[in-house]
């Protein structure tokens, strides 16, 4: 079942931050820190699992499995990137039902042509507004749990300008989307305009290194966003730390650098204490 916490937090109208999760290591660290909502990011779950770009290459089945694993690993409610719904209207119906059955709390759908591209990269192509409206209607109709929320994203900023963003999101909101998502806005002025236009919650994508500015959380709250996702934060931080450690190993022969996470603690986070308790109970390998 979908967790009610996402809907409840939106109803408070208090801004909140949602970290992106690229793998199950990030998931258990987010558990330790205590986030109650996390974002299953399509870009980074694809990159971590298969070393592939976010370009519509990963299939519905592959991404469903990754999201289901994240739901099982995470203590938090999961907002899931559903790309374009992986095809036409029947695919959208199947995707919503599948993600909902996996325990996801919310699905994000976007108005790009399939195969899609990362929203902060070039060569994105959009479907007609009417086609995306039908997808949103199908998604709303397909869900069975009222706590399962539909997020409608538009990638229109780079091809249709801000006017196109607002026209499309208005249509998606009218079609029944619970949250609207203007992707890749390029200034705080545009962000403010989007938030002022809609009564429904508006979300921000704080993609480090992407097309949008990344203001502090208090500024995003003042602008009017309901919440923000940070899809690349943990991935880029981990990549930077790994690169440094590997350079030190290659160039200096250092295999025990300062700043490593505790192996003992990580064993606990990943569940080894339960394994050891089982071994003690059943006297295995004694």
Foldseek 3Di string as FASTA:
>chain_A
DADLVVVVLLVVLFADEAEADQALLSQLVCVVVPDQEHEDDQQRVCCVPPVDGLQQPDALVRQLVRLLVSQVRHPHAYEYECEQLRDAQVSLLVSLVSNVVSHHQEYEHEFWDPPAHPLQDDDTHGDDLVRVLSSLLSSVVSDDDPRYFYEYEYSCCVPPNLVVLLVSQVSSVVSPHQEYEYPQDQELVSLLVNQVRDPHAYEYEQEVPGRYDRDDSVSNSVSRHRYYYHNCVVVVVVVVVVVVQVCCCVPPVDPDDPDDDDPVVVCVSVPVVVVVVVCVVVVPPD
